[in-house]
């Protein structure tokens, strides 16, 4: 995918805790995306590693980075190295699996997170492409498969009322405040799911606006 690096700081790398921008900082971000999609800290998570991640996750801190993201920590949080212990002390059933063969999303730094709760199942397939930059290449949410068109940011809106007026409202807001390149409309059993591939990174104030106005929105 193209245009993943937005500035020279993306190439230099992020401020972070850990030895590797790809295997640590990027892994934290994949975990944070998973946390946002699940809506809270998930009680049970199985992390499947492929290729490079499968071979080096212990030595490069990928395990604690993924756990930190699942807890909602940022890459520079001092608690990152202790995240697996913190997660398990909090009751999380956290497991790591080294898969053989090629990555199903075609990148060597692949982590696929399967999260389970009482009534919730979410799967996120992400890869860390360098400099702390990630791509989310597949999501399973509410029993629906989502395939983003490109790199983050992505906005996901779940409309449980299934009213067209709600879709028109968020469409108009996004066109004004965060223009998108593509919109997908998907149908789950209990909601309509709108997925927007956003052209540029969203500012924190813009994210806060959408999350306040549309409680069922997820800004990744």
Protein backbone atom coordinates (compact mmCIF):
# COMPACT_ATOMS: atom_id res chain seq x y z
CA UNK A 1 0.00 0.00 0.00
CA UNK A 2 1.21 3.51 -0.76
CA UNK A 3 1.45 6.81 1.10
CA UNK A 4 1.87 5.24 4.53
CA UNK A 5 4.43 7.79 5.72
CA UNK A 6 2.89 11.20 6.39
CA UNK A 7 6.03 13.08 7.50
CA UNK A 8 9.77 12.76 8.12
CA UNK A 9 8.97 11.86 11.74
CA UNK A 10 7.26 8.68 10.55
CA UNK A 11 10.55 7.62 8.94
CA UNK A 12 12.73 8.59 11.93
CA UNK A 13 10.43 6.64 14.21
CA UNK A 14 8.22 7.26 17.22
CA UNK A 15 8.93 8.07 20.87
CA UNK A 16 8.51 4.70 22.52
CA UNK A 17 9.43 2.16 25.18
CA UNK A 18 11.15 -0.91 23.71
CA UNK A 19 13.84 -1.97 21.24
CA UNK A 20 12.11 -1.77 17.86
CA UNK A 21 9.77 0.67 16.15
CA UNK A 22 8.33 -2.13 14.01
CA UNK A 23 8.16 -4.92 16.56
CA UNK A 24 7.38 -2.84 19.65
CA UNK A 25 5.85 0.58 18.89
CA UNK A 26 3.90 -0.75 15.92
CA UNK A 27 2.69 -3.71 17.96
CA UNK A 28 1.40 -1.37 20.68
CA UNK A 29 -0.63 0.44 18.03
CA UNK A 30 -2.11 -2.81 16.71
CA UNK A 31 -3.16 -3.65 20.27
CA UNK A 32 -4.70 -0.19 20.74
CA UNK A 33 -6.75 -0.62 17.57
CA UNK A 34 -7.97 -3.96 18.92
CA UNK A 35 -8.93 -2.30 22.22
CA UNK A 36 -10.94 0.38 20.42
CA UNK A 37 -12.74 -2.14 18.24
CA UNK A 38 -13.63 -4.33 21.22
CA UNK A 39 -14.77 -1.25 23.13
CA UNK A 40 -12.89 -2.04 26.34
CA UNK A 41 -10.10 -4.28 27.63
CA UNK A 42 -11.02 -7.72 26.25
CA UNK A 43 -11.18 -10.58 28.79
CA UNK A 44 -9.75 -13.23 26.46
CA UNK A 45 -7.23 -12.70 23.65
CA UNK A 46 -5.29 -15.10 21.46
CA UNK A 47 -2.53 -13.44 19.43
CA UNK A 48 -1.38 -15.29 16.31
CA UNK A 49 2.03 -14.27 14.97
CA UNK A 50 3.27 -14.90 11.44
CA UNK A 51 6.69 -14.86 9.80
CA UNK A 52 9.08 -12.33 11.41
CA UNK A 53 6.79 -11.67 14.37
CA UNK A 54 6.55 -15.42 15.00
CA UNK A 55 10.34 -15.76 15.10
CA UNK A 56 11.29 -12.67 17.10
CA UNK A 57 8.32 -11.65 19.26
CA UNK A 58 9.95 -12.60 22.56
CA UNK A 59 13.30 -10.90 22.00
CA UNK A 60 11.87 -7.76 20.41
CA UNK A 61 9.20 -7.09 23.03
CA UNK A 62 6.22 -7.73 20.76
CA UNK A 63 4.34 -9.68 23.44
CA UNK A 64 4.43 -6.89 25.98
CA UNK A 65 3.75 -4.32 23.25
CA UNK A 66 0.57 -6.09 22.10
CA UNK A 67 -0.56 -6.47 25.71
CA UNK A 68 0.09 -2.78 26.37
CA UNK A 69 -2.04 -1.77 23.40
CA UNK A 70 -4.85 -4.07 24.53
CA UNK A 71 -4.79 -2.24 27.87
CA UNK A 72 -4.97 1.11 26.07
CA UNK A 73 -1.38 2.18 26.85
CA UNK A 74 0.54 4.44 24.46
CA UNK A 75 3.93 3.37 23.01
CA UNK A 76 5.84 5.67 25.40
CA UNK A 77 4.01 4.55 28.56
CA UNK A 78 6.47 3.37 31.22
CA UNK A 79 4.16 0.42 31.99
CA UNK A 80 4.62 -1.12 28.53
CA UNK A 81 7.25 -3.73 29.57
CA UNK A 82 5.02 -4.90 32.45
CA UNK A 83 1.84 -5.05 30.36
CA UNK A 84 1.41 -8.87 30.16
CA UNK A 85 1.65 -9.12 33.95
CA UNK A 86 -0.76 -6.20 34.41
CA UNK A 87 -3.20 -7.71 31.92
CA UNK A 88 -3.18 -11.14 33.55
CA UNK A 89 -3.44 -9.68 37.05
CA UNK A 90 -6.53 -7.87 35.79
CA UNK A 91 -8.05 -11.17 34.69
CA UNK A 92 -7.19 -11.24 30.99
CA UNK A 93 -6.66 -14.69 29.47
CA UNK A 94 -3.79 -13.75 27.12
CA UNK A 95 -2.07 -16.27 24.84
CA UNK A 96 0.51 -16.01 22.07
CA UNK A 97 0.72 -18.50 19.19
CA UNK A 98 3.55 -18.83 16.66
CA UNK A 99 2.05 -19.77 13.31
CA UNK A 100 3.92 -21.51 10.51
CA UNK A 101 3.83 -20.51 6.87
CA UNK A 102 3.13 -17.21 5.15
CA UNK A 103 1.10 -14.40 6.63
CA UNK A 104 -2.55 -14.48 5.52
CA UNK A 105 -2.38 -10.69 5.09
CA UNK A 106 0.91 -10.83 3.17
CA UNK A 107 3.32 -9.04 5.49
CA UNK A 108 6.14 -10.51 7.62
CA UNK A 109 5.26 -8.48 10.73
CA UNK A 110 1.75 -9.85 11.16
CA UNK A 111 -0.31 -10.12 14.34
CA UNK A 112 -3.88 -11.43 14.28
CA UNK A 113 -5.76 -10.79 17.51
CA UNK A 114 -8.84 -12.85 18.32
CA UNK A 115 -10.78 -11.27 21.20
CA UNK A 116 -13.67 -12.88 23.02
CA UNK A 117 -16.14 -11.69 25.64
CA UNK A 118 -19.49 -12.95 26.90
CA UNK A 119 -21.33 -11.79 23.78
CA UNK A 120 -18.59 -10.16 21.74
CA UNK A 121 -16.12 -11.59 19.26
CA UNK A 122 -13.75 -9.34 17.36
CA UNK A 123 -10.77 -10.25 15.19
CA UNK A 124 -8.14 -7.78 13.98
CA UNK A 125 -5.40 -8.59 11.47
CA UNK A 126 -2.67 -5.95 11.47
CA UNK A 127 0.91 -5.53 10.36
CA UNK A 128 3.72 -3.21 11.39
CA UNK A 129 5.38 -1.78 8.29
CA UNK A 130 8.23 0.22 9.88
CA UNK A 131 8.79 3.39 11.86
CA UNK A 132 5.91 2.57 14.18
CA UNK A 133 3.43 2.74 11.28
CA UNK A 134 0.78 0.04 11.03
CA UNK A 135 -1.84 -1.16 8.61
CA UNK A 136 -5.07 -2.91 9.56
CA UNK A 137 -5.83 -5.24 6.68
CA UNK A 138 -8.80 -7.21 7.99
CA UNK A 139 -11.41 -6.86 10.75
CA UNK A 140 -14.24 -9.12 11.85
CA UNK A 141 -16.84 -7.12 13.80
CA UNK A 142 -20.39 -8.12 14.70
CA UNK A 143 -19.97 -11.17 12.48
CA UNK A 144 -19.13 -8.97 9.49
CA UNK A 145 -15.81 -8.99 7.63
CA UNK A 146 -14.29 -5.57 6.92
CA UNK A 147 -11.41 -5.11 4.46
CA UNK A 148 -10.02 -1.56 4.63
CA UNK A 149 -8.93 -0.08 1.32
CA UNK A 150 -5.69 1.40 2.63
CA UNK A 151 -3.81 2.57 5.71
CA UNK A 152 -5.31 4.26 8.74
CA UNK A 153 -7.25 6.36 9.57
CA UNK A 154 -10.54 4.51 9.29
CA UNK A 155 -13.89 5.49 10.78
CA UNK A 156 -16.44 2.78 11.58
CA UNK A 157 -20.02 3.75 12.44
CA UNK A 158 -22.52 1.18 13.69
CA UNK A 159 -26.12 2.31 13.28
CA UNK A 160 -28.29 0.11 15.50
CA UNK A 161 -31.45 2.02 14.55
CA UNK A 162 -30.80 1.37 10.85
CA UNK A 163 -32.12 4.84 10.01
CA UNK A 164 -30.82 6.43 6.81
CA UNK A 165 -30.90 9.85 8.50
CA UNK A 166 -28.07 8.78 10.80
CA UNK A 167 -25.90 7.75 7.87
CA UNK A 168 -26.61 11.00 6.05
CA UNK A 169 -25.67 13.00 9.15
CA UNK A 170 -22.28 11.36 9.69
CA UNK A 171 -21.59 11.43 5.94
CA UNK A 172 -22.07 15.20 5.94
CA UNK A 173 -19.94 15.67 9.05
CA UNK A 174 -17.11 13.59 7.62
CA UNK A 175 -17.18 15.35 4.27
CA UNK A 176 -16.72 18.64 6.13
CA UNK A 177 -14.28 17.64 8.88
CA UNK A 178 -12.53 14.45 7.70
CA UNK A 179 -13.04 13.77 3.97
CA UNK A 180 -13.02 10.13 2.94
CA UNK A 181 -11.92 8.29 -0.19
CA UNK A 182 -14.30 5.34 0.10
CA UNK A 183 -17.41 4.30 2.01
CA UNK A 184 -18.56 0.73 2.55
CA UNK A 185 -22.02 -0.21 3.82
CA UNK A 186 -22.25 -3.61 5.48
CA UNK A 187 -25.16 -5.37 7.16
CA UNK A 188 -24.95 -7.12 10.51
CA UNK A 189 -27.84 -8.84 12.25
CA UNK A 190 -28.46 -5.97 14.65
CA UNK A 191 -26.97 -2.94 12.89
CA UNK A 192 -25.79 -1.36 9.68
CA UNK A 193 -22.03 -0.81 9.57
CA UNK A 194 -20.52 2.12 7.66
CA UNK A 195 -16.77 2.04 7.03
CA UNK A 196 -14.95 5.16 5.83
CA UNK A 197 -11.37 5.30 4.57
CA UNK A 198 -10.22 8.78 5.61
CA UNK A 199 -7.86 10.77 3.39
CA UNK A 200 -5.62 12.32 6.08
CA UNK A 201 -4.77 11.78 9.76
CA UNK A 202 -7.51 13.06 12.04
CA UNK A 203 -6.68 15.64 14.69
CA UNK A 204 -7.50 14.75 18.33
CA UNK A 205 -10.18 17.45 18.45
CA UNK A 206 -11.85 15.99 15.36
CA UNK A 207 -11.80 12.49 16.82
CA UNK A 208 -13.26 13.82 20.08
CA UNK A 209 -16.03 15.57 18.13
CA UNK A 210 -17.13 12.39 16.35
CA UNK A 211 -16.85 10.17 19.42
CA UNK A 212 -19.01 12.60 21.43
CA UNK A 213 -21.64 13.20 18.74
CA UNK A 214 -21.85 9.58 17.56
CA UNK A 215 -21.40 7.19 20.52
CA UNK A 216 -21.31 4.15 18.21
CA UNK A 217 -18.42 5.51 16.13
CA UNK A 218 -14.90 4.05 16.21
CA UNK A 219 -12.05 6.24 14.95
CA UNK A 220 -8.94 4.21 14.15
